[in-house]
Amino acid sequence: MGYSKQVFLDMQEQLASMANQAEDGEINEMALYAELSELEKNVKATKERVKEWAVREFDTYGEKTVSFENFLISKSASGRHSYTNNPQWVATKNTLSDIEKKMQIAYKSESKVYIDPETGEVFEASEYKPNKESLSIKIKK
């Protein structure tokens, strides 16, 4: 049993149509946003569920990149360094975190300055750069 490419094309077309309807005021924008958020969660969960199987199939091709219909699929693996095994790094990181906290306190203060009561050290306020606005969506229980 295979998947139907037409089903996915129809879904893309339907999503574009809903966005146009919201833009034209024909459907409620917040309701559409909430429904799309739920759909996104379901798509991500399904994608994650299928990922292991897809990787297993990809590996059977023995290639770096596989051409499948109109997709080029490649596999990569990433990692990251951990420095927590180095006491000097840990101490420096803790010092930096302490400075950041004091600069945040200064930002919240009226004077925009924080003076450490133990050391007398002066900390100027951090810069605050707001992120993009977002909406939080939760399903009512």
N, C-alpha and C. Protein backbone atom coordinates (compact mmCIF):
# COMPACT_ATOMS: atom_id res chain seq x y z
N MET A 1 0.85 -1.18 0.00
CA MET A 1 0.00 0.00 0.00
C MET A 1 0.90 1.24 0.00
N GLY A 2 0.75 2.09 -0.96
CA GLY A 2 1.56 3.30 -1.06
C GLY A 2 0.75 4.52 -0.67
N TYR A 3 1.44 5.61 -0.57
CA TYR A 3 0.74 6.84 -0.24
C TYR A 3 0.29 7.49 -1.54
N SER A 4 -0.67 8.34 -1.44
CA SER A 4 -1.17 9.03 -2.62
C SER A 4 -0.57 10.43 -2.66
N LYS A 5 0.23 10.67 -3.67
CA LYS A 5 0.83 11.99 -3.83
C LYS A 5 -0.26 13.05 -3.99
N GLN A 6 -1.36 12.68 -4.61
CA GLN A 6 -2.45 13.62 -4.83
C GLN A 6 -3.04 14.11 -3.50
N VAL A 7 -3.06 13.23 -2.49
CA VAL A 7 -3.58 13.63 -1.18
C VAL A 7 -2.75 14.79 -0.62
N PHE A 8 -1.43 14.69 -0.76
CA PHE A 8 -0.57 15.74 -0.25
C PHE A 8 -0.70 17.03 -1.06
N LEU A 9 -0.85 16.91 -2.36
CA LEU A 9 -1.07 18.09 -3.20
C LEU A 9 -2.39 18.76 -2.83
N ASP A 10 -3.42 17.95 -2.59
CA ASP A 10 -4.72 18.49 -2.18
C ASP A 10 -4.63 19.21 -0.83
N MET A 11 -3.86 18.63 0.10
CA MET A 11 -3.71 19.27 1.41
C MET A 11 -3.01 20.63 1.26
N GLN A 12 -1.98 20.69 0.43
CA GLN A 12 -1.27 21.96 0.23
C GLN A 12 -2.19 23.01 -0.38
N GLU A 13 -3.00 22.58 -1.33
CA GLU A 13 -3.95 23.48 -1.98
C GLU A 13 -5.00 23.97 -0.97
N GLN A 14 -5.48 23.06 -0.13
CA GLN A 14 -6.47 23.41 0.88
C GLN A 14 -5.91 24.40 1.89
N LEU A 15 -4.66 24.19 2.31
CA LEU A 15 -4.02 25.11 3.26
C LEU A 15 -3.88 26.50 2.65
N ALA A 16 -3.46 26.57 1.40
CA ALA A 16 -3.33 27.87 0.73
C ALA A 16 -4.69 28.55 0.63
N SER A 17 -5.73 27.78 0.35
CA SER A 17 -7.07 28.32 0.26
C SER A 17 -7.54 28.88 1.61
N MET A 18 -7.27 28.14 2.68
CA MET A 18 -7.67 28.62 4.01
C MET A 18 -6.94 29.91 4.38
N ALA A 19 -5.66 30.00 4.03
CA ALA A 19 -4.91 31.23 4.31
C ALA A 19 -5.52 32.40 3.54
N ASN A 20 -5.89 32.17 2.30
CA ASN A 20 -6.52 33.22 1.50
C ASN A 20 -7.85 33.63 2.10
N GLN A 21 -8.63 32.66 2.57
CA GLN A 21 -9.92 32.97 3.19
C GLN A 21 -9.74 33.79 4.46
N ALA A 22 -8.72 33.46 5.25
CA ALA A 22 -8.46 34.23 6.47
C ALA A 22 -8.04 35.65 6.11
N GLU A 23 -7.19 35.76 5.11
CA GLU A 23 -6.73 37.09 4.67
C GLU A 23 -7.89 37.94 4.19
N ASP A 24 -8.86 37.30 3.54
CA ASP A 24 -10.03 38.02 3.01
C ASP A 24 -11.12 38.23 4.05
N GLY A 25 -10.91 37.72 5.28
CA GLY A 25 -11.89 37.90 6.34
C GLY A 25 -13.05 36.93 6.26
N GLU A 26 -12.94 35.89 5.46
CA GLU A 26 -14.03 34.93 5.31
C GLU A 26 -14.05 33.91 6.46
N ILE A 27 -12.90 33.68 7.06
CA ILE A 27 -12.84 32.79 8.23
C ILE A 27 -12.03 33.46 9.32
N ASN A 28 -12.27 33.07 10.55
CA ASN A 28 -11.61 33.68 11.70
C ASN A 28 -10.13 33.32 11.72
N GLU A 29 -9.28 34.34 11.75
CA GLU A 29 -7.83 34.14 11.70
C GLU A 29 -7.30 33.40 12.92
N MET A 30 -7.81 33.75 14.11
CA MET A 30 -7.33 33.08 15.32
C MET A 30 -7.72 31.62 15.34
N ALA A 31 -8.94 31.33 14.92
CA ALA A 31 -9.39 29.94 14.89
C ALA A 31 -8.54 29.14 13.91
N LEU A 32 -8.26 29.72 12.74
CA LEU A 32 -7.42 29.03 11.76
C LEU A 32 -6.02 28.80 12.32
N TYR A 33 -5.47 29.82 12.96
CA TYR A 33 -4.13 29.70 13.55
C TYR A 33 -4.10 28.58 14.58
N ALA A 34 -5.13 28.51 15.42
CA ALA A 34 -5.20 27.47 16.45
C ALA A 34 -5.30 26.09 15.81
N GLU A 35 -6.15 25.95 14.80
CA GLU A 35 -6.31 24.67 14.12
C GLU A 35 -5.02 24.26 13.41
N LEU A 36 -4.35 25.22 12.79
CA LEU A 36 -3.08 24.92 12.11
C LEU A 36 -2.01 24.51 13.12
N SER A 37 -2.04 25.09 14.30
CA SER A 37 -1.09 24.70 15.35
C SER A 37 -1.30 23.25 15.75
N GLU A 38 -2.55 22.84 15.87
CA GLU A 38 -2.85 21.44 16.19
C GLU A 38 -2.42 20.52 15.05
N LEU A 39 -2.69 20.94 13.83
CA LEU A 39 -2.29 20.16 12.67
C LEU A 39 -0.77 20.01 12.63
N GLU A 40 -0.07 21.10 12.93
CA GLU A 40 1.40 21.07 12.94
C GLU A 40 1.92 20.05 13.96
N LYS A 41 1.31 20.02 15.14
CA LYS A 41 1.71 19.04 16.17
C LYS A 41 1.54 17.62 15.65
N ASN A 42 0.39 17.38 15.00
CA ASN A 42 0.12 16.04 14.48
C ASN A 42 1.07 15.66 13.35
N VAL A 43 1.37 16.61 12.49
CA VAL A 43 2.31 16.35 11.40
C VAL A 43 3.70 16.05 11.96
N LYS A 44 4.13 16.82 12.94
CA LYS A 44 5.45 16.59 13.56
C LYS A 44 5.52 15.22 14.23
N ALA A 45 4.46 14.86 14.94
CA ALA A 45 4.44 13.55 15.61
C ALA A 45 4.47 12.42 14.60
N THR A 46 3.72 12.56 13.52
CA THR A 46 3.71 11.53 12.48
C THR A 46 5.07 11.45 11.79
N LYS A 47 5.65 12.60 11.51
CA LYS A 47 6.97 12.64 10.86
C LYS A 47 8.01 11.96 11.74
N GLU A 48 7.97 12.24 13.03
CA GLU A 48 8.93 11.63 13.96
C GLU A 48 8.72 10.12 14.03
N ARG A 49 7.48 9.70 13.99
CA ARG A 49 7.16 8.27 14.04
C ARG A 49 7.71 7.54 12.81
N VAL A 50 7.66 8.19 11.66
CA VAL A 50 8.09 7.58 10.41
C VAL A 50 9.60 7.71 10.19
N LYS A 51 10.23 8.64 10.86
CA LYS A 51 11.64 8.96 10.62
C LYS A 51 12.55 7.72 10.70
N GLU A 52 12.44 6.95 11.74
CA GLU A 52 13.31 5.78 11.92
C GLU A 52 13.18 4.82 10.74
N TRP A 53 11.96 4.62 10.28
CA TRP A 53 11.73 3.71 9.16
C TRP A 53 12.33 4.29 7.88
N ALA A 54 12.17 5.60 7.71
CA ALA A 54 12.70 6.26 6.52
C ALA A 54 14.23 6.19 6.50
N VAL A 55 14.86 6.39 7.65
CA VAL A 55 16.33 6.29 7.73
C VAL A 55 16.76 4.88 7.39
N ARG A 56 16.06 3.91 7.93
CA ARG A 56 16.39 2.51 7.64
C ARG A 56 16.30 2.24 6.14
N GLU A 57 15.25 2.72 5.50
CA GLU A 57 15.11 2.53 4.06
C GLU A 57 16.20 3.27 3.31
N PHE A 58 16.48 4.52 3.72
CA PHE A 58 17.53 5.31 3.08
C PHE A 58 18.84 4.54 3.07
N ASP A 59 19.16 3.92 4.20
CA ASP A 59 20.43 3.19 4.33
C ASP A 59 20.54 2.02 3.35
N THR A 60 19.41 1.48 2.90
CA THR A 60 19.46 0.36 1.96
C THR A 60 19.97 0.79 0.59
N TYR A 61 19.91 2.10 0.28
CA TYR A 61 20.36 2.58 -1.01
C TYR A 61 21.88 2.68 -1.10
N GLY A 62 22.56 2.83 0.05
CA GLY A 62 24.01 2.91 0.06
C GLY A 62 24.57 4.14 -0.64
N GLU A 63 23.82 5.19 -0.70
CA GLU A 63 24.24 6.43 -1.36
C GLU A 63 24.22 7.58 -0.36
N LYS A 64 24.96 8.66 -0.70
CA LYS A 64 24.95 9.85 0.15
C LYS A 64 23.66 10.64 -0.05
N THR A 65 23.16 10.62 -1.27
CA THR A 65 21.93 11.31 -1.61
C THR A 65 21.07 10.39 -2.46
N VAL A 66 19.79 10.36 -2.17
CA VAL A 66 18.86 9.51 -2.91
C VAL A 66 17.83 10.41 -3.57
N SER A 67 17.60 10.17 -4.86
CA SER A 67 16.57 10.89 -5.59
C SER A 67 15.30 10.07 -5.52
N PHE A 68 14.25 10.71 -5.01
CA PHE A 68 12.96 10.02 -4.88
C PHE A 68 11.87 10.97 -5.36
N GLU A 69 11.24 10.61 -6.47
CA GLU A 69 10.25 11.46 -7.13
C GLU A 69 10.85 12.84 -7.32
N ASN A 70 10.25 13.90 -6.75
CA ASN A 70 10.82 15.23 -6.95
C ASN A 70 11.62 15.70 -5.72
N PHE A 71 12.13 14.73 -4.93
CA PHE A 71 12.90 15.05 -3.74
C PHE A 71 14.33 14.53 -3.87
N LEU A 72 15.26 15.26 -3.33
CA LEU A 72 16.61 14.76 -3.11
C LEU A 72 16.75 14.58 -1.61
N ILE A 73 17.01 13.36 -1.18
CA ILE A 73 17.05 13.06 0.25
C ILE A 73 18.47 12.68 0.63
N SER A 74 18.98 13.33 1.66
CA SER A 74 20.31 12.99 2.17
C SER A 74 20.23 12.88 3.68
N LYS A 75 21.18 12.18 4.23
CA LYS A 75 21.18 11.95 5.67
C LYS A 75 22.39 12.65 6.27
N SER A 76 22.20 13.24 7.42
CA SER A 76 23.32 13.86 8.14
C SER A 76 23.14 13.57 9.62
N ALA A 77 24.21 13.69 10.31
CA ALA A 77 24.18 13.54 11.77
C ALA A 77 24.93 14.72 12.36
N SER A 78 24.42 15.23 13.42
CA SER A 78 25.09 16.35 14.06
C SER A 78 25.35 16.02 15.52
N GLY A 79 26.20 16.76 16.09
CA GLY A 79 26.53 16.60 17.50
C GLY A 79 26.96 17.95 18.05
N ARG A 80 27.35 17.94 19.26
CA ARG A 80 27.84 19.19 19.85
C ARG A 80 28.87 18.87 20.91
N HIS A 81 29.69 19.83 21.13
CA HIS A 81 30.74 19.68 22.14
C HIS A 81 30.17 19.96 23.53
N SER A 82 30.66 19.24 24.50
CA SER A 82 30.33 19.51 25.89
C SER A 82 31.64 19.85 26.61
N TYR A 83 31.60 20.91 27.35
CA TYR A 83 32.80 21.38 28.05
C TYR A 83 32.70 21.18 29.55
N THR A 84 31.63 20.54 30.00
CA THR A 84 31.37 20.42 31.43
C THR A 84 32.39 19.55 32.17
N ASN A 85 33.24 18.86 31.43
CA ASN A 85 34.28 18.06 32.07
C ASN A 85 35.50 18.90 32.44
N ASN A 86 35.47 20.19 32.07
CA ASN A 86 36.61 21.07 32.35
C ASN A 86 36.23 22.03 33.48
N PRO A 87 36.86 21.89 34.66
CA PRO A 87 36.50 22.74 35.80
C PRO A 87 36.70 24.24 35.53
N GLN A 88 37.70 24.58 34.74
CA GLN A 88 37.94 26.00 34.41
C GLN A 88 36.77 26.55 33.58
N TRP A 89 36.29 25.76 32.63
CA TRP A 89 35.16 26.18 31.81
C TRP A 89 33.92 26.35 32.69
N VAL A 90 33.67 25.40 33.58
CA VAL A 90 32.50 25.44 34.46
C VAL A 90 32.55 26.70 35.33
N ALA A 91 33.71 26.99 35.89
CA ALA A 91 33.85 28.17 36.74
C ALA A 91 33.61 29.46 35.94
N THR A 92 34.17 29.52 34.75
CA THR A 92 34.00 30.70 33.90
C THR A 92 32.54 30.86 33.50
N LYS A 93 31.89 29.77 33.16
CA LYS A 93 30.48 29.79 32.78
C LYS A 93 29.62 30.28 33.95
N ASN A 94 29.92 29.80 35.14
CA ASN A 94 29.17 30.23 36.33
C ASN A 94 29.37 31.72 36.59
N THR A 95 30.60 32.20 36.41
CA THR A 95 30.88 33.62 36.58
C THR A 95 30.08 34.44 35.58
N LEU A 96 30.07 33.99 34.33
CA LEU A 96 29.32 34.69 33.29
C LEU A 96 27.83 34.72 33.63
N SER A 97 27.28 33.60 34.08
CA SER A 97 25.87 33.55 34.45
C SER A 97 25.56 34.53 35.58
N ASP A 98 26.47 34.62 36.54
CA ASP A 98 26.31 35.54 37.66
C ASP A 98 26.28 36.99 37.17
N ILE A 99 27.19 37.32 36.26
CA ILE A 99 27.23 38.68 35.69
C ILE A 99 25.94 38.97 34.93
N GLU A 100 25.47 38.01 34.15
CA GLU A 100 24.24 38.20 33.39
C GLU A 100 23.06 38.47 34.31
N LYS A 101 22.96 37.72 35.41
CA LYS A 101 21.86 37.93 36.36
C LYS A 101 21.91 39.33 36.96
N LYS A 102 23.11 39.80 37.30
CA LYS A 102 23.25 41.14 37.89
C LYS A 102 22.90 42.22 36.87
N MET A 103 23.25 42.01 35.60
CA MET A 103 22.90 42.98 34.56
C MET A 103 21.39 43.01 34.32
N GLN A 104 20.73 41.86 34.49
CA GLN A 104 19.28 41.81 34.35
C GLN A 104 18.62 42.54 35.52
N ILE A 105 19.17 42.39 36.71
CA ILE A 105 18.65 43.12 37.87
C ILE A 105 18.78 44.61 37.62
N ALA A 106 19.91 45.03 37.07
CA ALA A 106 20.12 46.45 36.75
C ALA A 106 19.09 46.92 35.73
N TYR A 107 18.81 46.09 34.73
CA TYR A 107 17.83 46.46 33.71
C TYR A 107 16.46 46.71 34.34
N LYS A 108 16.09 45.89 35.31
CA LYS A 108 14.78 46.01 35.94
C LYS A 108 14.71 47.16 36.96
N SER A 109 15.87 47.65 37.36
CA SER A 109 15.88 48.73 38.35
C SER A 109 15.62 50.08 37.68
N GLU A 110 15.16 51.01 38.49
CA GLU A 110 14.88 52.35 37.97
C GLU A 110 16.15 53.06 37.52
N SER A 111 17.24 52.85 38.24
CA SER A 111 18.50 53.54 37.93
C SER A 111 19.28 52.88 36.79
N LYS A 112 18.88 51.67 36.42
CA LYS A 112 19.55 50.89 35.37
C LYS A 112 20.99 50.55 35.74
N VAL A 113 21.24 50.51 37.05
CA VAL A 113 22.57 50.14 37.57
C VAL A 113 22.36 49.23 38.77
N TYR A 114 23.22 48.23 38.89
CA TYR A 114 23.18 47.34 40.06
C TYR A 114 24.56 47.38 40.71
N ILE A 115 24.58 47.61 42.01
CA ILE A 115 25.83 47.59 42.76
C ILE A 115 25.79 46.36 43.66
N ASP A 116 26.74 45.47 43.43
CA ASP A 116 26.81 44.24 44.22
C ASP A 116 27.10 44.62 45.67
N PRO A 117 26.21 44.25 46.61
CA PRO A 117 26.39 44.66 48.01
C PRO A 117 27.62 44.02 48.66
N GLU A 118 28.05 42.88 48.15
CA GLU A 118 29.21 42.20 48.74
C GLU A 118 30.54 42.75 48.23
N THR A 119 30.59 43.08 46.93
CA THR A 119 31.87 43.48 46.34
C THR A 119 31.93 44.96 45.99
N GLY A 120 30.78 45.62 45.89
CA GLY A 120 30.74 47.02 45.49
C GLY A 120 30.89 47.19 43.98
N GLU A 121 30.98 46.07 43.28
CA GLU A 121 31.14 46.13 41.83
C GLU A 121 29.86 46.68 41.19
N VAL A 122 30.03 47.53 40.17
CA VAL A 122 28.91 48.17 39.49
C VAL A 122 28.61 47.45 38.18
N PHE A 123 27.32 47.16 37.98
CA PHE A 123 26.88 46.48 36.76
C PHE A 123 25.84 47.35 36.08
N GLU A 124 26.09 47.66 34.81
CA GLU A 124 25.12 48.42 34.02
C GLU A 124 24.07 47.45 33.47
N ALA A 125 22.94 48.01 33.10
CA ALA A 125 21.82 47.20 32.62
C ALA A 125 22.17 46.49 31.31
N SER A 126 21.64 45.29 31.18
CA SER A 126 21.76 44.57 29.91
C SER A 126 20.85 45.23 28.88
N GLU A 127 21.12 44.95 27.62
CA GLU A 127 20.21 45.39 26.56
C GLU A 127 19.12 44.33 26.44
N TYR A 128 17.91 44.79 26.25
CA TYR A 128 16.81 43.86 26.06
C TYR A 128 16.34 43.96 24.62
N LYS A 129 16.35 42.84 23.92
CA LYS A 129 15.90 42.80 22.53
C LYS A 129 14.72 41.82 22.46
N PRO A 130 13.52 42.35 22.29
CA PRO A 130 12.35 41.47 22.28
C PRO A 130 12.35 40.55 21.05
N ASN A 131 11.81 39.36 21.24
CA ASN A 131 11.63 38.43 20.14
C ASN A 131 10.37 38.79 19.38
N LYS A 132 10.11 38.04 18.32
CA LYS A 132 8.85 38.24 17.60
C LYS A 132 7.70 37.85 18.51
N GLU A 133 6.57 38.48 18.27
CA GLU A 133 5.38 38.12 19.03
C GLU A 133 4.92 36.72 18.64
N SER A 134 4.31 36.04 19.57
CA SER A 134 3.79 34.71 19.28
C SER A 134 2.48 34.52 20.02
N LEU A 135 1.76 33.52 19.61
CA LEU A 135 0.52 33.16 20.28
C LEU A 135 0.70 31.77 20.85
N SER A 136 0.23 31.56 22.06
CA SER A 136 0.28 30.24 22.69
C SER A 136 -1.09 29.58 22.51
N ILE A 137 -1.07 28.36 22.03
CA ILE A 137 -2.32 27.66 21.77
C ILE A 137 -2.40 26.42 22.67
N LYS A 138 -3.49 26.29 23.41
CA LYS A 138 -3.74 25.11 24.24
C LYS A 138 -5.17 24.67 24.00
N ILE A 139 -5.39 23.38 24.01
CA ILE A 139 -6.74 22.86 23.84
C ILE A 139 -7.46 22.89 25.18
N LYS A 140 -8.68 23.39 25.19
CA LYS A 140 -9.48 23.41 26.42
C LYS A 140 -9.78 21.99 26.83
N LYS A 141 -9.77 21.77 28.14
CA LYS A 141 -10.10 20.43 28.67
C LYS A 141 -11.46 20.42 29.28
